[in-house]
N, C-alpha and C. Protein backbone atom coordinates (compact mmCIF):
# COMPACT_ATOMS: atom_id res chain seq x y z
N MET A 1 -24.16 -30.37 9.57
CA MET A 1 -23.69 -29.89 8.29
C MET A 1 -24.76 -29.03 7.60
N ILE A 2 -25.97 -29.53 7.52
CA ILE A 2 -27.07 -28.79 6.91
C ILE A 2 -27.35 -27.52 7.72
N ARG A 3 -27.29 -27.65 9.04
CA ARG A 3 -27.53 -26.51 9.92
C ARG A 3 -26.50 -25.41 9.65
N GLU A 4 -25.22 -25.77 9.48
CA GLU A 4 -24.16 -24.81 9.19
C GLU A 4 -24.38 -24.11 7.85
N ILE A 5 -24.80 -24.85 6.87
CA ILE A 5 -25.07 -24.27 5.55
C ILE A 5 -26.21 -23.27 5.64
N ILE A 6 -27.25 -23.61 6.38
CA ILE A 6 -28.39 -22.70 6.55
C ILE A 6 -27.95 -21.44 7.28
N ILE A 7 -27.14 -21.60 8.33
CA ILE A 7 -26.64 -20.44 9.08
C ILE A 7 -25.83 -19.52 8.16
N GLN A 8 -24.95 -20.10 7.35
CA GLN A 8 -24.14 -19.30 6.43
C GLN A 8 -25.00 -18.61 5.38
N PHE A 9 -26.01 -19.31 4.88
CA PHE A 9 -26.91 -18.73 3.89
C PHE A 9 -27.67 -17.53 4.47
N VAL A 10 -28.19 -17.71 5.68
CA VAL A 10 -28.92 -16.61 6.34
C VAL A 10 -27.98 -15.43 6.59
N ARG A 11 -26.76 -15.71 7.03
CA ARG A 11 -25.76 -14.65 7.26
C ARG A 11 -25.48 -13.90 5.96
N PHE A 12 -25.33 -14.63 4.88
CA PHE A 12 -25.09 -14.04 3.56
C PHE A 12 -26.22 -13.08 3.20
N ILE A 13 -27.45 -13.57 3.30
CA ILE A 13 -28.63 -12.77 2.93
C ILE A 13 -28.75 -11.53 3.81
N LEU A 14 -28.60 -11.70 5.12
CA LEU A 14 -28.74 -10.57 6.04
C LEU A 14 -27.68 -9.50 5.80
N LEU A 15 -26.44 -9.92 5.54
CA LEU A 15 -25.39 -8.94 5.31
C LEU A 15 -25.58 -8.21 3.98
N VAL A 16 -26.00 -8.91 2.95
CA VAL A 16 -26.27 -8.25 1.67
C VAL A 16 -27.43 -7.26 1.82
N LEU A 17 -28.51 -7.69 2.45
CA LEU A 17 -29.66 -6.80 2.64
C LEU A 17 -29.30 -5.62 3.55
N GLY A 18 -28.53 -5.88 4.59
CA GLY A 18 -28.08 -4.80 5.48
C GLY A 18 -27.23 -3.78 4.74
N GLN A 19 -26.35 -4.28 3.87
CA GLN A 19 -25.51 -3.39 3.08
C GLN A 19 -26.35 -2.55 2.11
N VAL A 20 -27.24 -3.22 1.38
CA VAL A 20 -28.00 -2.55 0.33
C VAL A 20 -29.02 -1.57 0.90
N PHE A 21 -29.75 -1.98 1.94
CA PHE A 21 -30.86 -1.16 2.40
C PHE A 21 -30.55 -0.25 3.59
N ILE A 22 -29.48 -0.55 4.32
CA ILE A 22 -29.16 0.29 5.49
C ILE A 22 -27.84 1.04 5.28
N VAL A 23 -26.76 0.30 5.15
CA VAL A 23 -25.43 0.92 5.11
C VAL A 23 -25.25 1.81 3.89
N ASN A 24 -25.73 1.38 2.74
CA ASN A 24 -25.57 2.21 1.54
C ASN A 24 -26.30 3.54 1.66
N ASN A 25 -27.28 3.63 2.53
CA ASN A 25 -28.01 4.88 2.72
C ASN A 25 -27.36 5.77 3.78
N LEU A 26 -26.22 5.34 4.34
CA LEU A 26 -25.49 6.15 5.31
C LEU A 26 -24.50 7.11 4.66
N LYS A 27 -24.50 7.18 3.34
CA LYS A 27 -23.56 8.04 2.62
C LYS A 27 -23.77 9.49 3.04
N LEU A 28 -22.99 9.92 3.99
CA LEU A 28 -23.12 11.28 4.50
C LEU A 28 -22.09 12.23 3.93
N HIS A 29 -21.02 11.68 3.39
CA HIS A 29 -19.91 12.50 2.91
C HIS A 29 -19.19 11.77 1.79
N THR A 30 -18.43 12.48 1.01
CA THR A 30 -17.69 11.90 -0.11
C THR A 30 -16.79 10.76 0.34
N TYR A 31 -16.15 10.91 1.49
CA TYR A 31 -15.18 9.93 1.95
C TYR A 31 -15.78 8.84 2.83
N PHE A 32 -17.05 8.90 3.07
CA PHE A 32 -17.71 7.99 4.00
C PHE A 32 -18.55 7.00 3.22
N ASN A 33 -18.00 5.83 2.97
CA ASN A 33 -18.69 4.82 2.19
C ASN A 33 -18.37 3.44 2.76
N PRO A 34 -18.96 3.10 3.92
CA PRO A 34 -18.59 1.84 4.58
C PRO A 34 -19.21 0.62 3.91
N PHE A 35 -18.56 -0.52 4.11
CA PHE A 35 -19.05 -1.80 3.58
C PHE A 35 -18.97 -2.85 4.68
N ILE A 36 -20.06 -3.60 4.84
CA ILE A 36 -20.10 -4.65 5.86
C ILE A 36 -20.36 -6.02 5.25
N TYR A 37 -20.79 -6.07 4.00
CA TYR A 37 -21.26 -7.31 3.41
C TYR A 37 -20.24 -8.43 3.42
N PHE A 38 -18.94 -8.10 3.32
CA PHE A 38 -17.92 -9.14 3.23
C PHE A 38 -17.58 -9.77 4.58
N LEU A 39 -18.27 -9.35 5.65
CA LEU A 39 -18.12 -10.04 6.94
C LEU A 39 -18.47 -11.51 6.78
N PHE A 40 -19.37 -11.80 5.85
CA PHE A 40 -19.73 -13.19 5.54
C PHE A 40 -18.49 -14.01 5.21
N VAL A 41 -17.66 -13.51 4.32
CA VAL A 41 -16.44 -14.23 3.91
C VAL A 41 -15.48 -14.32 5.08
N LEU A 42 -15.35 -13.25 5.84
CA LEU A 42 -14.40 -13.25 6.96
C LEU A 42 -14.75 -14.28 8.03
N LEU A 43 -16.04 -14.55 8.21
CA LEU A 43 -16.47 -15.44 9.28
C LEU A 43 -16.74 -16.88 8.85
N LEU A 44 -16.46 -17.21 7.60
CA LEU A 44 -16.60 -18.61 7.19
C LEU A 44 -15.72 -19.48 8.08
N PRO A 45 -16.17 -20.67 8.42
CA PRO A 45 -15.33 -21.56 9.24
C PRO A 45 -13.98 -21.79 8.56
N VAL A 46 -12.92 -21.94 9.37
CA VAL A 46 -11.58 -22.11 8.80
C VAL A 46 -11.44 -23.41 8.04
N SER A 47 -12.34 -24.36 8.28
CA SER A 47 -12.30 -25.64 7.58
C SER A 47 -12.97 -25.59 6.21
N THR A 48 -13.52 -24.44 5.84
CA THR A 48 -14.15 -24.30 4.52
C THR A 48 -13.08 -24.51 3.45
N PRO A 49 -13.32 -25.42 2.52
CA PRO A 49 -12.33 -25.66 1.47
C PRO A 49 -12.02 -24.38 0.69
N PRO A 50 -10.75 -24.20 0.30
CA PRO A 50 -10.36 -22.97 -0.41
C PRO A 50 -11.22 -22.67 -1.64
N VAL A 51 -11.59 -23.67 -2.40
CA VAL A 51 -12.41 -23.44 -3.59
C VAL A 51 -13.77 -22.87 -3.19
N ILE A 52 -14.35 -23.39 -2.13
CA ILE A 52 -15.65 -22.89 -1.65
C ILE A 52 -15.50 -21.46 -1.13
N THR A 53 -14.42 -21.19 -0.42
CA THR A 53 -14.17 -19.83 0.08
C THR A 53 -14.09 -18.85 -1.08
N LEU A 54 -13.34 -19.21 -2.11
CA LEU A 54 -13.20 -18.34 -3.28
C LEU A 54 -14.53 -18.16 -4.00
N LEU A 55 -15.29 -19.24 -4.15
CA LEU A 55 -16.61 -19.14 -4.79
C LEU A 55 -17.56 -18.27 -3.98
N CYS A 56 -17.50 -18.40 -2.66
CA CYS A 56 -18.35 -17.56 -1.79
C CYS A 56 -17.98 -16.09 -1.96
N GLY A 57 -16.67 -15.79 -1.97
CA GLY A 57 -16.22 -14.42 -2.17
C GLY A 57 -16.65 -13.88 -3.53
N PHE A 58 -16.46 -14.70 -4.56
CA PHE A 58 -16.86 -14.30 -5.90
C PHE A 58 -18.36 -14.04 -5.97
N PHE A 59 -19.14 -14.99 -5.47
CA PHE A 59 -20.59 -14.86 -5.55
C PHE A 59 -21.11 -13.68 -4.75
N GLN A 60 -20.55 -13.47 -3.57
CA GLN A 60 -21.02 -12.34 -2.78
C GLN A 60 -20.67 -11.02 -3.45
N GLY A 61 -19.46 -10.91 -3.98
CA GLY A 61 -19.09 -9.70 -4.71
C GLY A 61 -19.97 -9.49 -5.93
N PHE A 62 -20.27 -10.58 -6.63
CA PHE A 62 -21.12 -10.51 -7.82
C PHE A 62 -22.52 -10.01 -7.46
N VAL A 63 -23.08 -10.53 -6.38
CA VAL A 63 -24.40 -10.09 -5.92
C VAL A 63 -24.38 -8.59 -5.59
N MET A 64 -23.31 -8.15 -4.91
CA MET A 64 -23.21 -6.73 -4.58
C MET A 64 -23.07 -5.88 -5.84
N ASP A 65 -22.30 -6.38 -6.80
CA ASP A 65 -22.18 -5.66 -8.07
C ASP A 65 -23.53 -5.53 -8.78
N MET A 66 -24.35 -6.55 -8.69
CA MET A 66 -25.68 -6.49 -9.31
C MET A 66 -26.55 -5.44 -8.61
N PHE A 67 -26.52 -5.42 -7.29
CA PHE A 67 -27.32 -4.44 -6.55
C PHE A 67 -26.80 -3.02 -6.74
N MET A 68 -25.49 -2.87 -6.79
CA MET A 68 -24.89 -1.53 -6.78
C MET A 68 -24.45 -1.06 -8.17
N GLU A 69 -24.63 -1.94 -9.18
CA GLU A 69 -24.27 -1.61 -10.56
C GLU A 69 -22.83 -1.09 -10.66
N THR A 70 -21.90 -1.89 -10.13
CA THR A 70 -20.50 -1.47 -10.08
C THR A 70 -19.60 -2.26 -11.01
N GLY A 71 -20.14 -3.05 -11.89
CA GLY A 71 -19.39 -3.69 -12.95
C GLY A 71 -18.20 -4.55 -12.56
N GLY A 72 -18.29 -5.28 -11.51
CA GLY A 72 -17.24 -6.23 -11.15
C GLY A 72 -16.27 -5.78 -10.09
N MET A 73 -16.37 -4.55 -9.64
CA MET A 73 -15.42 -4.05 -8.65
C MET A 73 -15.55 -4.77 -7.31
N HIS A 74 -16.78 -5.00 -6.86
CA HIS A 74 -16.98 -5.72 -5.60
C HIS A 74 -16.58 -7.19 -5.75
N THR A 75 -16.84 -7.76 -6.93
CA THR A 75 -16.44 -9.14 -7.18
C THR A 75 -14.93 -9.27 -7.06
N MET A 76 -14.22 -8.35 -7.66
CA MET A 76 -12.76 -8.39 -7.62
C MET A 76 -12.24 -8.24 -6.18
N ALA A 77 -12.74 -7.26 -5.45
CA ALA A 77 -12.26 -6.99 -4.09
C ALA A 77 -12.61 -8.13 -3.13
N THR A 78 -13.81 -8.66 -3.24
CA THR A 78 -14.24 -9.71 -2.31
C THR A 78 -13.57 -11.04 -2.64
N THR A 79 -13.36 -11.33 -3.90
CA THR A 79 -12.65 -12.55 -4.27
C THR A 79 -11.20 -12.47 -3.80
N LEU A 80 -10.60 -11.30 -3.90
CA LEU A 80 -9.23 -11.14 -3.43
C LEU A 80 -9.11 -11.37 -1.93
N ILE A 81 -10.03 -10.80 -1.14
CA ILE A 81 -9.91 -11.03 0.31
C ILE A 81 -10.21 -12.48 0.66
N ALA A 82 -11.07 -13.14 -0.12
CA ALA A 82 -11.30 -14.57 0.12
C ALA A 82 -10.00 -15.35 -0.13
N PHE A 83 -9.27 -14.97 -1.16
CA PHE A 83 -7.99 -15.62 -1.49
C PHE A 83 -6.96 -15.36 -0.40
N ILE A 84 -6.81 -14.11 -0.01
CA ILE A 84 -5.83 -13.74 1.02
C ILE A 84 -6.18 -14.39 2.35
N ARG A 85 -7.48 -14.47 2.65
CA ARG A 85 -7.95 -15.06 3.90
C ARG A 85 -7.43 -16.49 4.07
N ILE A 86 -7.44 -17.26 3.01
CA ILE A 86 -7.00 -18.65 3.05
C ILE A 86 -5.58 -18.74 3.61
N TYR A 87 -4.69 -17.92 3.09
CA TYR A 87 -3.29 -17.94 3.52
C TYR A 87 -3.10 -17.28 4.88
N TYR A 88 -3.85 -16.22 5.12
CA TYR A 88 -3.75 -15.53 6.41
C TYR A 88 -4.09 -16.50 7.55
N LEU A 89 -5.18 -17.25 7.38
CA LEU A 89 -5.58 -18.19 8.42
C LEU A 89 -4.55 -19.29 8.61
N ARG A 90 -4.00 -19.80 7.51
CA ARG A 90 -2.99 -20.86 7.59
C ARG A 90 -1.77 -20.43 8.39
N TYR A 91 -1.38 -19.18 8.24
CA TYR A 91 -0.15 -18.71 8.89
C TYR A 91 -0.36 -18.11 10.27
N THR A 92 -1.58 -17.78 10.62
CA THR A 92 -1.78 -17.11 11.92
C THR A 92 -2.53 -17.96 12.95
N LEU A 93 -3.17 -19.02 12.52
CA LEU A 93 -3.88 -19.87 13.47
C LEU A 93 -3.08 -21.14 13.74
N SER A 94 -3.30 -21.70 14.92
CA SER A 94 -2.61 -22.94 15.28
C SER A 94 -3.21 -24.12 14.51
N LYS A 95 -2.45 -25.18 14.47
CA LYS A 95 -2.92 -26.40 13.80
C LYS A 95 -4.19 -26.91 14.47
N GLU A 96 -4.26 -26.80 15.79
CA GLU A 96 -5.46 -27.25 16.52
C GLU A 96 -6.69 -26.45 16.11
N GLN A 97 -6.52 -25.14 16.00
CA GLN A 97 -7.65 -24.29 15.58
C GLN A 97 -8.08 -24.63 14.16
N MET A 98 -7.12 -24.86 13.29
CA MET A 98 -7.44 -25.21 11.90
C MET A 98 -8.14 -26.57 11.85
N ASP A 99 -7.66 -27.53 12.62
CA ASP A 99 -8.24 -28.86 12.62
C ASP A 99 -9.66 -28.88 13.18
N LYS A 100 -9.92 -28.02 14.17
CA LYS A 100 -11.26 -27.95 14.77
C LYS A 100 -12.28 -27.34 13.81
N GLY A 101 -11.81 -26.55 12.85
CA GLY A 101 -12.73 -25.90 11.92
C GLY A 101 -13.50 -24.77 12.56
N ILE A 102 -12.85 -24.05 13.47
CA ILE A 102 -13.51 -22.95 14.18
C ILE A 102 -13.92 -21.84 13.23
N GLU A 103 -14.80 -20.98 13.70
CA GLU A 103 -15.09 -19.74 13.00
C GLU A 103 -14.08 -18.72 13.53
N PRO A 104 -13.53 -17.88 12.68
CA PRO A 104 -12.56 -16.89 13.16
C PRO A 104 -13.26 -15.71 13.85
N VAL A 105 -13.71 -15.96 15.06
CA VAL A 105 -14.41 -14.95 15.86
C VAL A 105 -13.64 -14.72 17.15
N ILE A 106 -13.94 -13.64 17.84
CA ILE A 106 -13.22 -13.28 19.06
C ILE A 106 -13.23 -14.40 20.09
N ALA A 107 -14.35 -15.07 20.24
CA ALA A 107 -14.45 -16.14 21.24
C ALA A 107 -13.46 -17.28 20.96
N ASN A 108 -13.12 -17.50 19.70
CA ASN A 108 -12.21 -18.59 19.34
C ASN A 108 -10.77 -18.14 19.14
N THR A 109 -10.55 -16.90 18.79
CA THR A 109 -9.21 -16.45 18.41
C THR A 109 -8.66 -15.34 19.28
N GLY A 110 -9.50 -14.67 20.03
CA GLY A 110 -9.07 -13.54 20.84
C GLY A 110 -9.31 -12.22 20.13
N SER A 111 -9.47 -11.17 20.90
CA SER A 111 -9.82 -9.88 20.31
C SER A 111 -8.67 -9.26 19.51
N THR A 112 -7.43 -9.43 19.96
CA THR A 112 -6.30 -8.86 19.23
C THR A 112 -6.18 -9.50 17.85
N TRP A 113 -6.23 -10.83 17.81
CA TRP A 113 -6.14 -11.53 16.54
C TRP A 113 -7.27 -11.10 15.61
N PHE A 114 -8.49 -11.07 16.15
CA PHE A 114 -9.65 -10.72 15.32
C PHE A 114 -9.54 -9.30 14.78
N LEU A 115 -9.08 -8.37 15.61
CA LEU A 115 -8.96 -6.99 15.17
C LEU A 115 -7.88 -6.84 14.08
N ILE A 116 -6.76 -7.51 14.22
CA ILE A 116 -5.72 -7.47 13.20
C ILE A 116 -6.21 -8.11 11.90
N TYR A 117 -6.85 -9.25 12.02
CA TYR A 117 -7.42 -9.96 10.87
C TYR A 117 -8.43 -9.08 10.14
N SER A 118 -9.37 -8.53 10.87
CA SER A 118 -10.40 -7.68 10.28
C SER A 118 -9.79 -6.44 9.63
N THR A 119 -8.83 -5.83 10.29
CA THR A 119 -8.20 -4.64 9.76
C THR A 119 -7.50 -4.94 8.43
N CYS A 120 -6.74 -6.02 8.40
CA CYS A 120 -6.06 -6.41 7.15
C CYS A 120 -7.06 -6.63 6.02
N MET A 121 -8.12 -7.35 6.31
CA MET A 121 -9.11 -7.67 5.27
C MET A 121 -9.89 -6.43 4.83
N VAL A 122 -10.29 -5.59 5.78
CA VAL A 122 -11.05 -4.39 5.44
C VAL A 122 -10.22 -3.47 4.54
N PHE A 123 -8.99 -3.21 4.94
CA PHE A 123 -8.19 -2.26 4.16
C PHE A 123 -7.74 -2.84 2.83
N THR A 124 -7.54 -4.15 2.76
CA THR A 124 -7.25 -4.77 1.45
C THR A 124 -8.45 -4.62 0.53
N HIS A 125 -9.63 -4.95 1.06
CA HIS A 125 -10.87 -4.83 0.28
C HIS A 125 -11.06 -3.40 -0.21
N HIS A 126 -10.94 -2.45 0.70
CA HIS A 126 -11.18 -1.05 0.35
C HIS A 126 -10.13 -0.52 -0.62
N PHE A 127 -8.87 -0.91 -0.43
CA PHE A 127 -7.81 -0.47 -1.33
C PHE A 127 -8.12 -0.89 -2.76
N VAL A 128 -8.43 -2.16 -2.95
CA VAL A 128 -8.73 -2.67 -4.28
C VAL A 128 -10.00 -2.02 -4.83
N LEU A 129 -11.04 -1.95 -4.02
CA LEU A 129 -12.31 -1.40 -4.47
C LEU A 129 -12.21 0.07 -4.87
N PHE A 130 -11.59 0.88 -4.02
CA PHE A 130 -11.54 2.32 -4.30
C PHE A 130 -10.59 2.66 -5.44
N PHE A 131 -9.48 1.92 -5.57
CA PHE A 131 -8.60 2.19 -6.70
C PHE A 131 -9.21 1.68 -8.00
N ALA A 132 -9.98 0.60 -7.95
CA ALA A 132 -10.69 0.14 -9.15
C ALA A 132 -11.75 1.17 -9.54
N GLU A 133 -12.39 1.74 -8.56
CA GLU A 133 -13.42 2.74 -8.81
C GLU A 133 -12.83 4.01 -9.42
N SER A 134 -11.65 4.40 -8.97
CA SER A 134 -11.05 5.63 -9.49
C SER A 134 -10.29 5.38 -10.80
N PHE A 135 -10.14 4.11 -11.19
CA PHE A 135 -9.46 3.73 -12.43
C PHE A 135 -8.04 4.27 -12.55
N GLY A 136 -7.33 4.29 -11.44
CA GLY A 136 -5.94 4.71 -11.51
C GLY A 136 -5.51 5.51 -10.32
N PHE A 137 -4.39 6.19 -10.48
CA PHE A 137 -3.78 6.91 -9.38
C PHE A 137 -3.85 8.43 -9.54
N SER A 138 -4.69 8.91 -10.45
CA SER A 138 -4.75 10.35 -10.70
C SER A 138 -5.29 11.12 -9.49
N GLU A 139 -6.19 10.54 -8.78
CA GLU A 139 -6.76 11.17 -7.58
C GLU A 139 -6.29 10.42 -6.33
N ILE A 140 -4.99 10.16 -6.25
CA ILE A 140 -4.46 9.27 -5.22
C ILE A 140 -4.75 9.76 -3.80
N LEU A 141 -4.63 11.04 -3.54
CA LEU A 141 -4.87 11.53 -2.18
C LEU A 141 -6.34 11.40 -1.78
N THR A 142 -7.22 11.73 -2.70
CA THR A 142 -8.66 11.58 -2.43
C THR A 142 -9.01 10.11 -2.23
N THR A 143 -8.43 9.25 -3.06
CA THR A 143 -8.70 7.81 -2.95
C THR A 143 -8.17 7.27 -1.63
N LEU A 144 -6.97 7.66 -1.24
CA LEU A 144 -6.40 7.20 0.03
C LEU A 144 -7.22 7.70 1.22
N GLN A 145 -7.70 8.93 1.11
CA GLN A 145 -8.55 9.47 2.17
C GLN A 145 -9.86 8.68 2.27
N SER A 146 -10.44 8.34 1.13
CA SER A 146 -11.66 7.53 1.12
C SER A 146 -11.40 6.15 1.72
N ILE A 147 -10.27 5.54 1.37
CA ILE A 147 -9.92 4.23 1.90
C ILE A 147 -9.79 4.30 3.41
N LEU A 148 -9.09 5.32 3.91
CA LEU A 148 -8.87 5.45 5.35
C LEU A 148 -10.17 5.67 6.12
N VAL A 149 -10.94 6.65 5.70
CA VAL A 149 -12.17 6.98 6.42
C VAL A 149 -13.19 5.84 6.30
N SER A 150 -13.43 5.38 5.10
CA SER A 150 -14.41 4.30 4.91
C SER A 150 -13.93 3.01 5.58
N GLY A 151 -12.63 2.76 5.51
CA GLY A 151 -12.08 1.56 6.16
C GLY A 151 -12.27 1.58 7.66
N LEU A 152 -11.99 2.72 8.28
CA LEU A 152 -12.17 2.83 9.73
C LEU A 152 -13.63 2.67 10.13
N VAL A 153 -14.52 3.30 9.38
CA VAL A 153 -15.96 3.18 9.68
C VAL A 153 -16.43 1.74 9.43
N SER A 154 -15.98 1.14 8.34
CA SER A 154 -16.33 -0.26 8.06
C SER A 154 -15.84 -1.18 9.16
N LEU A 155 -14.60 -0.97 9.59
CA LEU A 155 -14.03 -1.79 10.66
C LEU A 155 -14.83 -1.65 11.94
N LEU A 156 -15.20 -0.44 12.28
CA LEU A 156 -16.02 -0.20 13.47
C LEU A 156 -17.36 -0.93 13.35
N LEU A 157 -18.01 -0.82 12.21
CA LEU A 157 -19.29 -1.49 12.00
C LEU A 157 -19.15 -3.01 12.05
N LEU A 158 -18.09 -3.55 11.45
CA LEU A 158 -17.87 -5.00 11.47
C LEU A 158 -17.66 -5.51 12.88
N VAL A 159 -16.86 -4.80 13.66
CA VAL A 159 -16.62 -5.22 15.04
C VAL A 159 -17.90 -5.11 15.86
N LEU A 160 -18.66 -4.04 15.66
CA LEU A 160 -19.94 -3.91 16.37
C LEU A 160 -20.91 -5.02 15.99
N LEU A 161 -21.01 -5.33 14.71
CA LEU A 161 -21.87 -6.44 14.27
C LEU A 161 -21.40 -7.76 14.88
N HIS A 162 -20.11 -7.96 14.87
CA HIS A 162 -19.55 -9.18 15.45
C HIS A 162 -19.94 -9.28 16.92
N MET A 163 -19.76 -8.21 17.66
CA MET A 163 -20.06 -8.23 19.09
C MET A 163 -21.56 -8.37 19.36
N LEU A 164 -22.36 -7.88 18.43
CA LEU A 164 -23.80 -7.99 18.56
C LEU A 164 -24.29 -9.43 18.37
N PHE A 165 -23.68 -10.14 17.43
CA PHE A 165 -24.19 -11.45 17.06
C PHE A 165 -23.39 -12.64 17.57
N PHE A 166 -22.26 -12.39 18.18
CA PHE A 166 -21.46 -13.48 18.73
C PHE A 166 -21.18 -13.21 20.19
N ARG A 167 -21.23 -14.28 20.98
CA ARG A 167 -20.91 -14.15 22.39
C ARG A 167 -19.46 -13.75 22.53
N VAL A 168 -19.23 -12.67 23.26
CA VAL A 168 -17.87 -12.21 23.47
C VAL A 168 -17.63 -12.12 24.97
N ASN A 169 -16.55 -12.73 25.40
CA ASN A 169 -16.14 -12.68 26.79
C ASN A 169 -15.66 -11.27 27.12
N SER A 170 -16.04 -10.71 28.24
CA SER A 170 -15.58 -9.36 28.61
C SER A 170 -14.06 -9.36 28.78
N LYS A 171 -13.49 -10.48 29.25
CA LYS A 171 -12.04 -10.59 29.40
C LYS A 171 -11.34 -10.50 28.04
N GLU A 172 -11.92 -11.14 27.01
CA GLU A 172 -11.32 -11.14 25.68
C GLU A 172 -11.36 -9.75 25.05
N VAL A 173 -12.45 -9.02 25.28
CA VAL A 173 -12.56 -7.68 24.71
C VAL A 173 -11.55 -6.76 25.38
N ALA A 174 -11.39 -6.91 26.67
CA ALA A 174 -10.50 -6.03 27.42
C ALA A 174 -9.03 -6.24 27.07
N GLY A 175 -8.62 -7.50 26.95
CA GLY A 175 -7.19 -7.69 26.81
C GLY A 175 -6.73 -8.58 25.69
N GLY A 176 -7.57 -9.37 25.09
CA GLY A 176 -7.12 -10.24 24.01
C GLY A 176 -6.91 -11.57 24.53
């Protein structure tokens, strides 16, 4: 139990630092603004109580808002994906997987499930974040373009990070 908490804490710190000091400096274009920090929320064990999941999402978004001076936008987006994650896992994982308290990673769920899960969460996060940033729908095409480009780049980075830090079976990557 203590070991798991330490692992999650280290993951939290590394993803926040990676976002602030590495990924935020990759801003090469107006539409290119990837985010990786919320991988922490996505990879929490499925047995994490909903209240803890929501608090983790809130706290991580709050920390990002403090670093990026974004006035609650990251808090809102990350708390929302933490909320959606709770229901997504309940409806897409088997009772055995939920009872085991697995981490939602490719080795436990398969590559197809993980890619769909990550895609849903990334684009939900980005949709909320970018529309909150634009304060409305006046620049809808520009905002949608930012969501698409940043979402795809974020998804690529999240999958690469996942594959870097978690054992992935070559069979699972190839076919699911």
